[in-house]
C-alpha atoms as a PDB file:
ATOM      1  CA  PRO A   1       6.909 -95.015 -28.119  1.00  0.00           C
ATOM      2  CA  ILE A   2       5.335 -95.139 -24.733  1.00  0.00           C
ATOM      3  CA  PRO A   3       1.551 -94.872 -24.949  1.00  0.00           C
ATOM      4  CA  GLY A   4       0.124 -91.637 -23.597  1.00  0.00           C
ATOM      5  CA  ASP A   5      -1.378 -88.370 -24.659  1.00  0.00           C
ATOM      6  CA  PHE A   6       0.229 -86.910 -27.755  1.00  0.00           C
ATOM      7  CA  ASP A   7      -0.894 -84.186 -30.148  1.00  0.00           C
ATOM      8  CA  ILE A   8      -1.056 -84.734 -33.947  1.00  0.00           C
ATOM      9  CA  ALA A   9       2.379 -83.235 -34.519  1.00  0.00           C
ATOM     10  CA  SER A  10       3.954 -85.673 -32.043  1.00  0.00           C
ATOM     11  CA  SER A  11       2.113 -88.548 -33.583  1.00  0.00           C
ATOM     12  CA  ASN A  12       3.344 -87.600 -37.043  1.00  0.00           C
ATOM     13  CA  GLU A  13       6.886 -87.347 -35.683  1.00  0.00           C
ATOM     14  CA  ILE A  14       6.631 -90.775 -34.127  1.00  0.00           C
ATOM     15  CA  GLY A  15       5.364 -92.145 -37.374  1.00  0.00           C
ATOM     16  CA  LYS A  16       8.439 -90.722 -39.165  1.00  0.00           C
ATOM     17  CA  LYS A  17      10.764 -92.218 -36.616  1.00  0.00           C
ATOM     18  CA  MET A  18       9.130 -95.677 -36.832  1.00  0.00           C
ATOM     19  CA  ASN A  19       9.362 -95.637 -40.636  1.00  0.00           C
ATOM     20  CA  SER A  20      13.054 -94.629 -40.254  1.00  0.00           C
ATOM     21  CA  LEU A  21      13.556 -97.609 -38.081  1.00  0.00           C
ATOM     22  CA  VAL A  22      12.014 -99.912 -40.595  1.00  0.00           C
ATOM     23  CA  LYS A  23      14.390 -98.638 -43.160  1.00  0.00           C
ATOM     24  CA  GLN A  24      17.281 -99.203 -40.924  1.00  0.00           C
ATOM     25  CA  LEU A  25      16.340-102.804 -40.297  1.00  0.00           C
ATOM     26  CA  PRO A  26      15.909-104.224 -43.838  1.00  0.00           C
ATOM     27  CA  LYS A  27      16.203-107.867 -42.712  1.00  0.00           C
ATOM     28  CA  VAL A  28      13.417-107.547 -40.183  1.00  0.00           C
ATOM     29  CA  GLU A  29       9.864-108.043 -41.537  1.00  0.00           C
ATOM     30  CA  PHE A  30       7.390-105.637 -39.871  1.00  0.00           C
ATOM     31  CA  SER A  31       3.873-106.671 -40.589  1.00  0.00           C
ATOM     32  CA  THR A  32       2.268-103.755 -38.759  1.00  0.00           C
ATOM     33  CA  LEU A  33       3.416-100.598 -37.015  1.00  0.00           C
ATOM     34  CA  VAL A  34       1.086 -99.100 -34.396  1.00  0.00           C
ATOM     35  CA  TYR A  35       1.875 -95.376 -33.813  1.00  0.00           C
ATOM     36  CA  LYS A  36      -1.372 -93.659 -33.025  1.00  0.00           C
ATOM     37  CA  PRO A  37      -0.778 -93.231 -29.283  1.00  0.00           C
ATOM     38  CA  SER A  38      -3.525 -90.582 -28.765  1.00  0.00           C
ATOM     39  CA  SER A  39      -6.063 -93.493 -28.709  1.00  0.00           C
ATOM     40  CA  LEU A  40      -3.645 -95.926 -27.087  1.00  0.00           C
ATOM     41  CA  LYS A  41      -3.048 -94.678 -23.580  1.00  0.00           C
ATOM     42  CA  SER A  42      -1.709 -97.901 -21.935  1.00  0.00           C
ATOM     43  CA  ALA A  43       0.226-101.057 -22.695  1.00  0.00           C
ATOM     44  CA  GLU A  44      -3.089-102.932 -22.377  1.00  0.00           C
ATOM     45  CA  ALA A  45      -4.753-100.754 -24.916  1.00  0.00           C
ATOM     46  CA  VAL A  46      -1.880-101.204 -27.426  1.00  0.00           C
ATOM     47  CA  ILE A  47      -1.977-105.001 -27.152  1.00  0.00           C
ATOM     48  CA  ASP A  48      -5.740-105.256 -27.116  1.00  0.00           C
ATOM     49  CA  ALA A  49      -5.946-102.933 -30.170  1.00  0.00           C
ATOM     50  CA  ALA A  50      -3.469-105.114 -31.969  1.00  0.00           C
ATOM     51  CA  ILE A  51      -5.486-108.276 -31.255  1.00  0.00           C
ATOM     52  CA  LEU A  52      -8.749-106.823 -32.214  1.00  0.00           C
ATOM     53  CA  ASP A  53      -7.880-104.443 -35.040  1.00  0.00           C
ATOM     54  CA  LEU A  54      -5.370-106.747 -36.714  1.00  0.00           C
ATOM     55  CA  ASP A  55      -7.278-109.881 -36.008  1.00  0.00           C
ATOM     56  CA  ILE A  56      -4.180-111.800 -34.790  1.00  0.00           C
ATOM     57  CA  SER A  57      -4.073-114.903 -32.605  1.00  0.00           C
ATOM     58  CA  PRO A  58      -2.062-114.058 -29.485  1.00  0.00           C
ATOM     59  CA  GLU A  59      -0.715-117.652 -29.303  1.00  0.00           C
ATOM     60  CA  LEU A  60       0.783-117.213 -32.829  1.00  0.00           C
ATOM     61  CA  THR A  61       2.338-113.857 -32.022  1.00  0.00           C
ATOM     62  CA  LEU A  62       5.869-112.879 -30.898  1.00  0.00           C
ATOM     63  CA  LEU A  63       5.931-109.570 -28.968  1.00  0.00           C
ATOM     64  CA  VAL A  64       9.355-108.006 -29.030  1.00  0.00           C
ATOM     65  CA  SER A  65       9.800-105.057 -26.598  1.00  0.00           C
ATOM     66  CA  ASP A  66      12.087-103.587 -23.953  1.00  0.00           C
ATOM     67  CA  GLN A  67       9.135-102.382 -21.911  1.00  0.00           C
ATOM     68  CA  ASP A  68       7.866-104.365 -18.898  1.00  0.00           C
ATOM     69  CA  SER A  69       4.290-103.168 -19.382  1.00  0.00           C
ATOM     70  CA  LEU A  70       4.060-104.439 -22.907  1.00  0.00           C
ATOM     71  CA  LEU A  71       5.745-107.732 -22.050  1.00  0.00           C
ATOM     72  CA  ARG A  72       3.565-108.314 -19.061  1.00  0.00           C
ATOM     73  CA  ARG A  73       0.319-107.596 -21.125  1.00  0.00           C
ATOM     74  CA  GLY A  74       1.599-109.828 -23.891  1.00  0.00           C
ATOM     75  CA  LYS A  75       2.154-112.693 -21.491  1.00  0.00           C
ATOM     76  CA  ASP A  76      -1.259-112.047 -19.909  1.00  0.00           C
ATOM     77  CA  VAL A  77      -2.961-112.555 -23.254  1.00  0.00           C
ATOM     78  CA  GLY A  78      -0.950-115.600 -24.274  1.00  0.00           C
ATOM     79  CA  MET A  79       1.578-114.027 -26.679  1.00  0.00           C
ATOM     80  CA  HIS A  80       5.182-115.345 -26.988  1.00  0.00           C
ATOM     81  CA  THR A  81       7.586-112.654 -25.576  1.00  0.00           C
ATOM     82  CA  CYS A  82      11.015-111.483 -26.308  1.00  0.00           C
ATOM     83  CA  ARG A  83      12.870-108.852 -24.355  1.00  0.00           C
ATOM     84  CA  VAL A  84      15.365-106.538 -26.033  1.00  0.00           C
ATOM     85  CA  ARG A  85      18.231-106.093 -23.507  1.00  0.00           C
ATOM     86  CA  LYS A  86      21.712-104.760 -24.096  1.00  0.00           C
ATOM     87  CA  PRO A  87      24.511-106.620 -22.351  1.00  0.00           C
ATOM     88  CA  ASN A  88      24.880-105.506 -18.714  1.00  0.00           C
ATOM     89  CA  ALA A  89      21.548-103.702 -18.853  1.00  0.00           C
ATOM     90  CA  ARG A  90      18.897-104.064 -16.149  1.00  0.00           C
ATOM     91  CA  ARG A  91      16.969-107.328 -16.399  1.00  0.00           C
ATOM     92  CA  GLY A  92      13.585-105.962 -15.980  1.00  0.00           C
ATOM     93  CA  ASP A  93      10.650-107.036 -13.815  1.00  0.00           C
ATOM     94  CA  VAL A  94       8.962-109.299 -16.352  1.00  0.00           C
ATOM     95  CA  SER A  95      10.424-112.512 -17.533  1.00  0.00           C
ATOM     96  CA  ALA A  96      10.278-113.248 -21.193  1.00  0.00           C
ATOM     97  CA  GLN A  97      10.667-116.435 -23.213  1.00  0.00           C
ATOM     98  CA  TYR A  98      13.503-115.091 -25.220  1.00  0.00           C
ATOM     99  CA  THR A  99      16.076-112.329 -24.777  1.00  0.00           C
ATOM    100  CA  ILE A 100      18.007-110.583 -27.590  1.00  0.00           C
ATOM    101  CA  GLU A 101      20.507-107.632 -27.704  1.00  0.00           C
ATOM    102  CA  ASP A 102      18.899-105.882 -30.593  1.00  0.00           C
ATOM    103  CA  VAL A 103      15.881-106.081 -32.907  1.00  0.00           C
ATOM    104  CA  GLN A 104      17.982-107.359 -35.808  1.00  0.00           C
ATOM    105  CA  SER A 105      18.480-110.595 -33.810  1.00  0.00           C
ATOM    106  CA  VAL A 106      14.890-111.552 -34.339  1.00  0.00           C
ATOM    107  CA  HIS A 107      14.658-114.353 -37.019  1.00  0.00           C
END
C-alpha cells in the first residue's frame, strides 16, 4: 500500500490483503509486514520505521518494491534494492540493483 492517511477500517482491509498475499506466495519468506499506514505517511517514514522498530541493518536488507519512492529511500539508507517490473512496463525513475518480474522470483 502507498503510505498516507487511512482510517482503521482501511488499515484492517490492507492487513487482510497483505495476509492474503502471503498465503498466495508460500515459497516467499516474509519476515515482517508493515501495514499501519496511518502512522507512516511517506516512503521515508516506512523505511525509517522498519530500520528502527525492527532493528535491521540496512546493508543486510533487500528491499523489494515497484515504487520509486521506496526504492529511492532504500538506496539512500544503504539497502540493496530490487524492482518488481512486468515485461514491457515502464522502467521507473530509480535504478535498482536487481529487477524481477514478480515477487515469487525472489530467492
